N, C-alpha and C. Protein backbone atom coordinates (compact mmCIF):
# COMPACT_ATOMS: atom_id res chain seq x y z
N MET A 1 0.83 -1.18 0.00
CA MET A 1 0.00 0.00 0.00
C MET A 1 0.88 1.24 0.00
N LYS A 2 0.58 2.17 -0.90
CA LYS A 2 1.29 3.45 -0.92
C LYS A 2 0.43 4.47 -0.18
N LEU A 3 1.01 5.03 0.86
CA LEU A 3 0.31 5.93 1.77
C LEU A 3 0.91 7.33 1.67
N LEU A 4 0.11 8.28 1.19
CA LEU A 4 0.53 9.68 1.13
C LEU A 4 0.14 10.34 2.44
N THR A 5 1.09 11.03 3.07
CA THR A 5 0.79 11.72 4.32
C THR A 5 1.39 13.11 4.29
N PHE A 6 0.64 14.06 4.87
CA PHE A 6 1.17 15.42 4.97
C PHE A 6 0.39 16.24 5.97
N ALA A 7 1.04 17.32 6.37
CA ALA A 7 0.39 18.32 7.23
C ALA A 7 -0.13 19.43 6.34
N ALA A 8 -1.32 19.90 6.65
CA ALA A 8 -1.90 21.03 5.92
C ALA A 8 -1.40 22.31 6.59
N SER A 9 -0.08 22.42 6.61
CA SER A 9 0.61 23.54 7.26
C SER A 9 1.92 23.78 6.53
N ASN A 10 2.33 25.04 6.47
CA ASN A 10 3.63 25.34 5.86
C ASN A 10 4.69 25.67 6.90
N SER A 11 4.40 25.42 8.16
CA SER A 11 5.38 25.64 9.22
C SER A 11 6.46 24.57 9.15
N ARG A 12 7.72 24.98 9.20
CA ARG A 12 8.82 24.01 9.19
C ARG A 12 8.87 23.21 10.49
N GLN A 13 8.29 23.75 11.56
CA GLN A 13 8.23 23.04 12.84
C GLN A 13 6.81 22.52 13.11
N SER A 14 6.07 22.25 12.08
CA SER A 14 4.67 21.87 12.21
C SER A 14 4.45 20.67 13.12
N ILE A 15 3.65 20.88 14.17
CA ILE A 15 3.29 19.76 15.03
C ILE A 15 2.36 18.80 14.27
N ASN A 16 1.63 19.31 13.31
CA ASN A 16 0.77 18.45 12.51
C ASN A 16 1.59 17.56 11.57
N LYS A 17 2.74 18.03 11.14
CA LYS A 17 3.62 17.16 10.34
C LYS A 17 4.15 16.03 11.21
N HIS A 18 4.49 16.33 12.46
CA HIS A 18 4.93 15.27 13.37
C HIS A 18 3.84 14.21 13.53
N ILE A 19 2.60 14.68 13.72
CA ILE A 19 1.47 13.75 13.89
C ILE A 19 1.25 12.94 12.61
N ALA A 20 1.20 13.60 11.47
CA ALA A 20 0.94 12.90 10.21
C ALA A 20 2.01 11.84 9.93
N THR A 21 3.27 12.19 10.15
CA THR A 21 4.36 11.27 9.89
C THR A 21 4.33 10.10 10.87
N TYR A 22 4.09 10.40 12.14
CA TYR A 22 4.00 9.34 13.15
C TYR A 22 2.86 8.37 12.84
N VAL A 23 1.71 8.92 12.56
CA VAL A 23 0.54 8.06 12.30
C VAL A 23 0.78 7.20 11.06
N ALA A 24 1.37 7.76 10.02
CA ALA A 24 1.67 6.95 8.83
C ALA A 24 2.62 5.80 9.18
N SER A 25 3.53 6.04 10.11
CA SER A 25 4.48 4.98 10.49
C SER A 25 3.79 3.81 11.18
N LEU A 26 2.58 4.01 11.66
CA LEU A 26 1.82 2.94 12.31
C LEU A 26 1.22 1.96 11.30
N ALA A 27 1.24 2.33 10.03
CA ALA A 27 0.69 1.47 8.97
C ALA A 27 1.75 0.46 8.57
N THR A 28 1.69 -0.69 9.17
CA THR A 28 2.68 -1.74 8.96
C THR A 28 2.79 -2.12 7.49
N GLY A 29 4.02 -2.08 6.99
CA GLY A 29 4.29 -2.51 5.63
C GLY A 29 3.95 -1.51 4.54
N ALA A 30 3.46 -0.34 4.91
CA ALA A 30 3.09 0.66 3.90
C ALA A 30 4.33 1.35 3.34
N ASP A 31 4.24 1.71 2.08
CA ASP A 31 5.23 2.56 1.43
C ASP A 31 4.77 4.00 1.69
N ILE A 32 5.48 4.74 2.52
CA ILE A 32 5.02 6.04 2.97
C ILE A 32 5.67 7.16 2.16
N ASP A 33 4.83 8.02 1.61
CA ASP A 33 5.26 9.20 0.86
C ASP A 33 4.89 10.42 1.70
N VAL A 34 5.90 11.07 2.30
CA VAL A 34 5.66 12.25 3.12
C VAL A 34 5.80 13.49 2.24
N LEU A 35 4.70 14.19 2.07
CA LEU A 35 4.65 15.38 1.23
C LEU A 35 4.80 16.61 2.12
N ASP A 36 5.51 17.60 1.65
CA ASP A 36 5.66 18.89 2.35
C ASP A 36 5.00 19.94 1.46
N ILE A 37 3.95 20.59 1.96
CA ILE A 37 3.26 21.56 1.09
C ILE A 37 4.13 22.76 0.75
N ASN A 38 5.25 22.96 1.46
CA ASN A 38 6.17 24.02 1.08
C ASN A 38 6.77 23.78 -0.31
N ASP A 39 6.77 22.54 -0.73
CA ASP A 39 7.28 22.22 -2.07
C ASP A 39 6.28 22.58 -3.17
N PHE A 40 5.10 23.06 -2.76
CA PHE A 40 4.03 23.38 -3.72
C PHE A 40 3.56 24.83 -3.55
N GLU A 41 4.48 25.69 -3.16
CA GLU A 41 4.12 27.09 -2.95
C GLU A 41 3.86 27.77 -4.29
N MET A 42 2.70 28.40 -4.38
CA MET A 42 2.27 29.06 -5.61
C MET A 42 1.74 30.45 -5.29
N PRO A 43 1.59 31.28 -6.32
CA PRO A 43 0.98 32.59 -6.06
C PRO A 43 -0.43 32.42 -5.49
N LEU A 44 -0.88 33.42 -4.79
CA LEU A 44 -2.23 33.40 -4.23
C LEU A 44 -3.24 33.26 -5.36
N TYR A 45 -4.16 32.30 -5.19
CA TYR A 45 -5.12 32.04 -6.25
C TYR A 45 -6.04 33.23 -6.48
N SER A 46 -6.28 33.52 -7.73
CA SER A 46 -7.35 34.44 -8.16
C SER A 46 -7.71 34.07 -9.59
N ILE A 47 -8.96 34.28 -9.94
CA ILE A 47 -9.41 33.99 -11.30
C ILE A 47 -8.66 34.85 -12.31
N ASP A 48 -8.34 36.08 -11.91
CA ASP A 48 -7.58 36.96 -12.80
C ASP A 48 -6.19 36.38 -13.08
N ARG A 49 -5.52 35.91 -12.03
CA ARG A 49 -4.19 35.32 -12.21
C ARG A 49 -4.29 34.06 -13.07
N GLU A 50 -5.30 33.24 -12.82
CA GLU A 50 -5.46 32.02 -13.63
C GLU A 50 -5.68 32.37 -15.10
N THR A 51 -6.50 33.39 -15.37
CA THR A 51 -6.77 33.81 -16.74
C THR A 51 -5.51 34.35 -17.41
N GLU A 52 -4.73 35.11 -16.67
CA GLU A 52 -3.54 35.76 -17.23
C GLU A 52 -2.35 34.81 -17.41
N THR A 53 -2.14 33.91 -16.44
CA THR A 53 -0.91 33.10 -16.47
C THR A 53 -1.15 31.59 -16.49
N GLY A 54 -2.40 31.19 -16.35
CA GLY A 54 -2.69 29.75 -16.32
C GLY A 54 -2.48 29.17 -14.93
N ILE A 55 -2.65 27.88 -14.84
CA ILE A 55 -2.53 27.17 -13.57
C ILE A 55 -1.09 26.68 -13.42
N PRO A 56 -0.46 26.96 -12.28
CA PRO A 56 0.92 26.50 -12.07
C PRO A 56 1.02 24.98 -12.15
N THR A 57 2.13 24.50 -12.70
CA THR A 57 2.33 23.06 -12.83
C THR A 57 2.40 22.37 -11.46
N LEU A 58 2.76 23.11 -10.42
CA LEU A 58 2.81 22.52 -9.09
C LEU A 58 1.44 22.01 -8.63
N ALA A 59 0.37 22.64 -9.10
CA ALA A 59 -0.97 22.17 -8.75
C ALA A 59 -1.20 20.77 -9.34
N GLN A 60 -0.76 20.55 -10.57
CA GLN A 60 -0.88 19.23 -11.17
C GLN A 60 0.04 18.23 -10.47
N ASP A 61 1.21 18.69 -10.07
CA ASP A 61 2.13 17.80 -9.35
C ASP A 61 1.51 17.32 -8.04
N PHE A 62 0.81 18.21 -7.34
CA PHE A 62 0.12 17.84 -6.10
C PHE A 62 -0.96 16.80 -6.38
N LEU A 63 -1.75 17.03 -7.40
CA LEU A 63 -2.78 16.06 -7.78
C LEU A 63 -2.18 14.71 -8.17
N ASN A 64 -1.04 14.74 -8.83
CA ASN A 64 -0.37 13.50 -9.22
C ASN A 64 0.06 12.70 -8.00
N ARG A 65 0.53 13.38 -6.97
CA ARG A 65 0.94 12.67 -5.74
C ARG A 65 -0.26 11.99 -5.10
N ILE A 66 -1.40 12.65 -5.11
CA ILE A 66 -2.62 12.03 -4.58
C ILE A 66 -3.01 10.83 -5.45
N ALA A 67 -2.94 11.00 -6.75
CA ALA A 67 -3.31 9.92 -7.68
C ALA A 67 -2.44 8.68 -7.49
N GLN A 68 -1.18 8.87 -7.17
CA GLN A 68 -0.25 7.75 -7.01
C GLN A 68 -0.44 7.00 -5.70
N ALA A 69 -1.20 7.56 -4.78
CA ALA A 69 -1.39 6.95 -3.45
C ALA A 69 -2.59 6.00 -3.44
N ASP A 70 -2.52 5.02 -2.56
CA ASP A 70 -3.66 4.15 -2.31
C ASP A 70 -4.56 4.73 -1.22
N ALA A 71 -3.98 5.53 -0.34
CA ALA A 71 -4.72 6.16 0.75
C ALA A 71 -3.97 7.42 1.18
N VAL A 72 -4.67 8.31 1.88
CA VAL A 72 -4.12 9.61 2.25
C VAL A 72 -4.37 9.89 3.72
N ILE A 73 -3.34 10.40 4.39
CA ILE A 73 -3.45 10.90 5.76
C ILE A 73 -3.09 12.37 5.73
N ILE A 74 -4.00 13.21 6.24
CA ILE A 74 -3.74 14.65 6.34
C ILE A 74 -3.97 15.07 7.79
N SER A 75 -3.02 15.84 8.33
CA SER A 75 -3.21 16.43 9.65
C SER A 75 -3.30 17.95 9.46
N PHE A 76 -4.44 18.50 9.89
CA PHE A 76 -4.76 19.90 9.64
C PHE A 76 -4.35 20.81 10.80
N ALA A 77 -3.56 21.81 10.47
CA ALA A 77 -3.29 22.89 11.41
C ALA A 77 -4.48 23.84 11.36
N GLU A 78 -4.74 24.50 12.45
CA GLU A 78 -5.89 25.41 12.52
C GLU A 78 -5.41 26.84 12.67
N HIS A 79 -5.81 27.68 11.75
CA HIS A 79 -5.53 29.12 11.83
C HIS A 79 -6.86 29.84 11.97
N ASN A 80 -7.07 30.44 13.11
CA ASN A 80 -8.32 31.17 13.36
C ASN A 80 -9.55 30.33 13.06
N GLY A 81 -9.50 29.05 13.45
CA GLY A 81 -10.64 28.17 13.31
C GLY A 81 -10.82 27.54 11.94
N SER A 82 -9.87 27.75 11.03
CA SER A 82 -10.04 27.26 9.67
C SER A 82 -8.71 26.71 9.13
N TYR A 83 -8.72 26.39 7.82
CA TYR A 83 -7.51 25.91 7.15
C TYR A 83 -6.42 26.97 7.16
N THR A 84 -5.19 26.53 7.06
CA THR A 84 -4.10 27.48 6.86
C THR A 84 -4.22 28.07 5.46
N ALA A 85 -3.75 29.28 5.30
CA ALA A 85 -3.79 29.92 3.98
C ALA A 85 -2.98 29.12 2.97
N ALA A 86 -1.86 28.56 3.40
CA ALA A 86 -1.00 27.80 2.49
C ALA A 86 -1.73 26.58 1.93
N TYR A 87 -2.41 25.83 2.80
CA TYR A 87 -3.14 24.65 2.32
C TYR A 87 -4.33 25.06 1.45
N LYS A 88 -5.07 26.04 1.89
CA LYS A 88 -6.26 26.47 1.14
C LYS A 88 -5.86 26.93 -0.26
N ASN A 89 -4.75 27.63 -0.38
CA ASN A 89 -4.28 28.09 -1.69
C ASN A 89 -3.90 26.91 -2.59
N LEU A 90 -3.16 25.96 -2.04
CA LEU A 90 -2.78 24.77 -2.81
C LEU A 90 -4.04 24.02 -3.25
N PHE A 91 -4.96 23.84 -2.34
CA PHE A 91 -6.21 23.13 -2.65
C PHE A 91 -6.99 23.88 -3.73
N ASP A 92 -7.10 25.20 -3.61
CA ASP A 92 -7.85 25.98 -4.60
C ASP A 92 -7.24 25.85 -6.00
N TRP A 93 -5.93 25.95 -6.11
CA TRP A 93 -5.30 25.80 -7.41
C TRP A 93 -5.55 24.40 -7.97
N ALA A 94 -5.36 23.38 -7.14
CA ALA A 94 -5.54 22.00 -7.60
C ALA A 94 -6.98 21.76 -8.05
N SER A 95 -7.93 22.35 -7.34
CA SER A 95 -9.34 22.13 -7.67
C SER A 95 -9.73 22.76 -9.00
N ARG A 96 -8.93 23.66 -9.50
CA ARG A 96 -9.20 24.25 -10.82
C ARG A 96 -8.87 23.25 -11.93
N ILE A 97 -8.01 22.30 -11.64
CA ILE A 97 -7.68 21.25 -12.60
C ILE A 97 -8.64 20.08 -12.44
N GLU A 98 -8.83 19.66 -11.20
CA GLU A 98 -9.66 18.51 -10.88
C GLU A 98 -10.50 18.84 -9.65
N PRO A 99 -11.79 19.16 -9.86
CA PRO A 99 -12.64 19.51 -8.72
C PRO A 99 -12.73 18.40 -7.67
N LYS A 100 -12.56 17.16 -8.06
CA LYS A 100 -12.58 16.04 -7.12
C LYS A 100 -11.15 15.77 -6.66
N VAL A 101 -10.58 16.75 -5.98
CA VAL A 101 -9.17 16.76 -5.60
C VAL A 101 -8.71 15.45 -4.96
N TYR A 102 -9.54 14.88 -4.09
CA TYR A 102 -9.11 13.70 -3.34
C TYR A 102 -9.26 12.39 -4.10
N GLN A 103 -9.85 12.42 -5.30
CA GLN A 103 -9.83 11.32 -6.25
C GLN A 103 -10.31 9.98 -5.68
N ASN A 104 -11.30 10.05 -4.81
CA ASN A 104 -11.92 8.87 -4.21
C ASN A 104 -10.95 8.03 -3.37
N LYS A 105 -9.93 8.68 -2.84
CA LYS A 105 -8.96 7.97 -2.01
C LYS A 105 -9.50 7.80 -0.60
N PRO A 106 -9.28 6.63 0.01
CA PRO A 106 -9.59 6.49 1.43
C PRO A 106 -8.70 7.45 2.21
N MET A 107 -9.29 8.10 3.20
CA MET A 107 -8.57 9.14 3.92
C MET A 107 -8.71 8.99 5.43
N LEU A 108 -7.65 9.37 6.12
CA LEU A 108 -7.67 9.54 7.56
C LEU A 108 -7.35 11.01 7.79
N LEU A 109 -8.26 11.72 8.44
CA LEU A 109 -8.07 13.14 8.69
C LEU A 109 -7.81 13.35 10.18
N LEU A 110 -6.75 14.11 10.45
CA LEU A 110 -6.30 14.37 11.81
C LEU A 110 -6.13 15.86 12.02
N ALA A 111 -6.01 16.23 13.28
CA ALA A 111 -5.66 17.61 13.62
C ALA A 111 -5.10 17.60 15.03
N THR A 112 -4.19 18.51 15.29
CA THR A 112 -3.67 18.70 16.64
C THR A 112 -3.36 20.18 16.84
N SER A 113 -3.26 20.55 18.11
CA SER A 113 -2.87 21.90 18.48
C SER A 113 -2.25 21.85 19.87
N PRO A 114 -1.60 22.92 20.28
CA PRO A 114 -1.04 22.93 21.63
C PRO A 114 -2.11 22.92 22.73
N GLY A 115 -3.30 23.37 22.40
CA GLY A 115 -4.36 23.48 23.40
C GLY A 115 -5.28 22.28 23.45
N PRO A 116 -6.23 22.31 24.38
CA PRO A 116 -7.12 21.18 24.59
C PRO A 116 -8.14 20.96 23.47
N GLY A 117 -8.34 21.95 22.60
CA GLY A 117 -9.30 21.81 21.50
C GLY A 117 -8.81 20.92 20.38
N GLY A 118 -7.49 20.72 20.28
CA GLY A 118 -6.93 19.82 19.27
C GLY A 118 -7.27 20.19 17.84
N ALA A 119 -7.49 21.48 17.58
CA ALA A 119 -7.83 21.95 16.23
C ALA A 119 -9.10 21.29 15.71
N SER A 120 -10.03 21.06 16.61
CA SER A 120 -11.26 20.35 16.25
C SER A 120 -12.15 21.13 15.29
N SER A 121 -12.05 22.45 15.28
CA SER A 121 -12.87 23.25 14.35
C SER A 121 -12.49 22.98 12.90
N VAL A 122 -11.20 23.05 12.61
CA VAL A 122 -10.76 22.81 11.23
C VAL A 122 -10.97 21.35 10.85
N LEU A 123 -10.80 20.45 11.80
CA LEU A 123 -11.02 19.04 11.50
C LEU A 123 -12.48 18.78 11.12
N ALA A 124 -13.39 19.39 11.84
CA ALA A 124 -14.82 19.24 11.51
C ALA A 124 -15.10 19.76 10.10
N THR A 125 -14.50 20.89 9.76
CA THR A 125 -14.67 21.45 8.41
C THR A 125 -14.13 20.49 7.36
N ALA A 126 -12.95 19.95 7.61
CA ALA A 126 -12.33 19.03 6.65
C ALA A 126 -13.16 17.76 6.47
N VAL A 127 -13.62 17.20 7.58
CA VAL A 127 -14.41 15.97 7.51
C VAL A 127 -15.71 16.21 6.75
N ASN A 128 -16.35 17.35 7.01
CA ASN A 128 -17.62 17.65 6.34
C ASN A 128 -17.46 17.99 4.87
N SER A 129 -16.33 18.59 4.50
CA SER A 129 -16.18 19.01 3.11
C SER A 129 -15.51 17.97 2.21
N ALA A 130 -14.72 17.07 2.77
CA ALA A 130 -13.97 16.11 1.95
C ALA A 130 -14.84 15.32 0.97
N PRO A 131 -16.02 14.85 1.38
CA PRO A 131 -16.84 14.10 0.41
C PRO A 131 -17.23 14.91 -0.83
N TYR A 132 -17.34 16.22 -0.71
CA TYR A 132 -17.67 17.06 -1.86
C TYR A 132 -16.52 17.09 -2.87
N PHE A 133 -15.33 16.74 -2.39
CA PHE A 133 -14.16 16.75 -3.26
C PHE A 133 -13.64 15.33 -3.47
N ASN A 134 -14.58 14.37 -3.35
CA ASN A 134 -14.35 12.95 -3.60
C ASN A 134 -13.36 12.32 -2.62
N GLY A 135 -13.41 12.77 -1.38
CA GLY A 135 -12.62 12.14 -0.33
C GLY A 135 -13.45 11.10 0.39
N ASP A 136 -12.91 9.92 0.56
CA ASP A 136 -13.58 8.82 1.25
C ASP A 136 -13.02 8.75 2.68
N VAL A 137 -13.60 9.54 3.57
CA VAL A 137 -13.09 9.65 4.94
C VAL A 137 -13.43 8.38 5.72
N LYS A 138 -12.40 7.62 6.05
CA LYS A 138 -12.58 6.38 6.81
C LYS A 138 -12.60 6.65 8.31
N ALA A 139 -11.87 7.69 8.74
CA ALA A 139 -11.82 8.02 10.17
C ALA A 139 -11.22 9.41 10.32
N SER A 140 -11.47 9.99 11.49
CA SER A 140 -10.86 11.27 11.84
C SER A 140 -10.59 11.27 13.34
N LEU A 141 -9.59 12.04 13.73
CA LEU A 141 -9.25 12.11 15.14
C LEU A 141 -8.56 13.44 15.44
N SER A 142 -9.03 14.10 16.46
CA SER A 142 -8.41 15.31 16.98
C SER A 142 -7.54 14.93 18.16
N ILE A 143 -6.31 15.41 18.16
CA ILE A 143 -5.36 15.10 19.23
C ILE A 143 -5.11 16.39 20.02
N PRO A 144 -5.64 16.45 21.24
CA PRO A 144 -5.51 17.67 22.03
C PRO A 144 -4.12 17.80 22.66
N SER A 145 -3.80 19.00 23.06
CA SER A 145 -2.62 19.28 23.89
C SER A 145 -1.38 18.54 23.39
N PHE A 146 -0.98 18.86 22.18
CA PHE A 146 0.12 18.15 21.52
C PHE A 146 1.33 17.95 22.42
N TYR A 147 1.79 19.01 23.05
CA TYR A 147 3.04 18.92 23.82
C TYR A 147 2.91 18.07 25.08
N ASP A 148 1.70 17.84 25.53
CA ASP A 148 1.47 16.95 26.67
C ASP A 148 1.35 15.49 26.24
N ASN A 149 1.09 15.26 24.96
CA ASN A 149 0.80 13.90 24.48
C ASN A 149 1.76 13.37 23.44
N PHE A 150 2.74 14.16 23.04
CA PHE A 150 3.70 13.74 22.01
C PHE A 150 5.10 14.08 22.49
N ASP A 151 6.00 13.14 22.39
CA ASP A 151 7.40 13.35 22.77
C ASP A 151 8.19 13.65 21.50
N LEU A 152 8.60 14.90 21.32
CA LEU A 152 9.34 15.28 20.13
C LEU A 152 10.69 14.57 20.04
N GLY A 153 11.29 14.27 21.19
CA GLY A 153 12.59 13.61 21.21
C GLY A 153 12.57 12.22 20.58
N ILE A 154 11.50 11.48 20.81
CA ILE A 154 11.40 10.13 20.25
C ILE A 154 10.40 10.06 19.10
N GLY A 155 9.68 11.16 18.87
CA GLY A 155 8.75 11.22 17.74
C GLY A 155 7.55 10.32 17.88
N LYS A 156 7.01 10.22 19.11
CA LYS A 156 5.89 9.31 19.34
C LYS A 156 4.87 9.91 20.29
N ILE A 157 3.65 9.42 20.15
CA ILE A 157 2.57 9.73 21.10
C ILE A 157 2.91 9.02 22.41
N THR A 158 2.78 9.73 23.52
CA THR A 158 3.07 9.14 24.83
C THR A 158 1.81 8.77 25.59
N ASN A 159 0.68 9.30 25.18
CA ASN A 159 -0.59 8.98 25.84
C ASN A 159 -1.11 7.67 25.25
N SER A 160 -1.21 6.63 26.10
CA SER A 160 -1.57 5.30 25.59
C SER A 160 -2.98 5.26 25.02
N ASP A 161 -3.92 6.01 25.58
CA ASP A 161 -5.29 6.02 25.04
C ASP A 161 -5.32 6.63 23.64
N ILE A 162 -4.62 7.74 23.46
CA ILE A 162 -4.56 8.37 22.14
C ILE A 162 -3.84 7.46 21.15
N ASN A 163 -2.75 6.85 21.60
CA ASN A 163 -2.00 5.96 20.71
C ASN A 163 -2.86 4.78 20.26
N THR A 164 -3.60 4.21 21.17
CA THR A 164 -4.50 3.10 20.81
C THR A 164 -5.55 3.56 19.81
N ALA A 165 -6.11 4.76 20.02
CA ALA A 165 -7.09 5.30 19.08
C ALA A 165 -6.46 5.49 17.70
N LEU A 166 -5.22 5.98 17.67
CA LEU A 166 -4.54 6.18 16.39
C LEU A 166 -4.28 4.85 15.68
N ILE A 167 -3.85 3.85 16.42
CA ILE A 167 -3.63 2.53 15.82
C ILE A 167 -4.93 2.01 15.22
N ASN A 168 -6.02 2.21 15.93
CA ASN A 168 -7.32 1.74 15.43
C ASN A 168 -7.74 2.46 14.15
N VAL A 169 -7.54 3.80 14.10
CA VAL A 169 -7.96 4.52 12.90
C VAL A 169 -7.05 4.20 11.71
N VAL A 170 -5.77 3.97 11.97
CA VAL A 170 -4.87 3.58 10.88
C VAL A 170 -5.26 2.19 10.35
N ASN A 171 -5.57 1.29 11.25
CA ASN A 171 -6.01 -0.04 10.83
C ASN A 171 -7.31 0.06 10.03
N ASN A 172 -8.21 0.93 10.44
CA ASN A 172 -9.46 1.14 9.70
C ASN A 172 -9.16 1.66 8.29
N LEU A 173 -8.20 2.55 8.17
CA LEU A 173 -7.83 3.09 6.87
C LEU A 173 -7.19 2.02 5.98
N THR A 174 -6.23 1.30 6.52
CA THR A 174 -5.47 0.37 5.69
C THR A 174 -6.23 -0.93 5.41
N ASN A 175 -7.15 -1.29 6.28
CA ASN A 175 -7.91 -2.54 6.06
C ASN A 175 -9.18 -2.34 5.25
N ASN A 176 -9.57 -1.07 5.05
CA ASN A 176 -10.82 -0.81 4.34
C ASN A 176 -10.63 0.04 3.10
N LYS A 177 -9.45 0.04 2.56
CA LYS A 177 -9.23 0.86 1.37
C LYS A 177 -9.88 0.23 0.21
């Protein structure tokens, strides 16, 4: 199984990238492709820009990475209760090529934050909107209080209840693709 994983964040120290990468590692035997959305930085989307210069090839490259995967794991950072501008821009450009951005891929959607809310607002938005873009959401999980539940030194979840929940959602993703 080829598993595409990424954080919907452009922070180089993204806690969501730590979560996405860790969770993908729980998929025994999977070929893991860790995508960094910084590699897909494009001008801010506007219809005027699209009309004048066309769609950047990076948008197609992003879609190609999704197409090559058997399943997708995304961990969403929350900016003011919503998607990060970097992810939303990448998604908007890609959707101009293929409105069904997620290409019917089985998905595991995650979110974390330093606080107890675990970025649950953006996760709810992602879970509710993914089916409109042909995402087959198999499971979702919000991970609260990242720094209390994840050890950056060893790159693992330290809370056994959360870790068990993550193992279960990864198994649901990989066994039901």
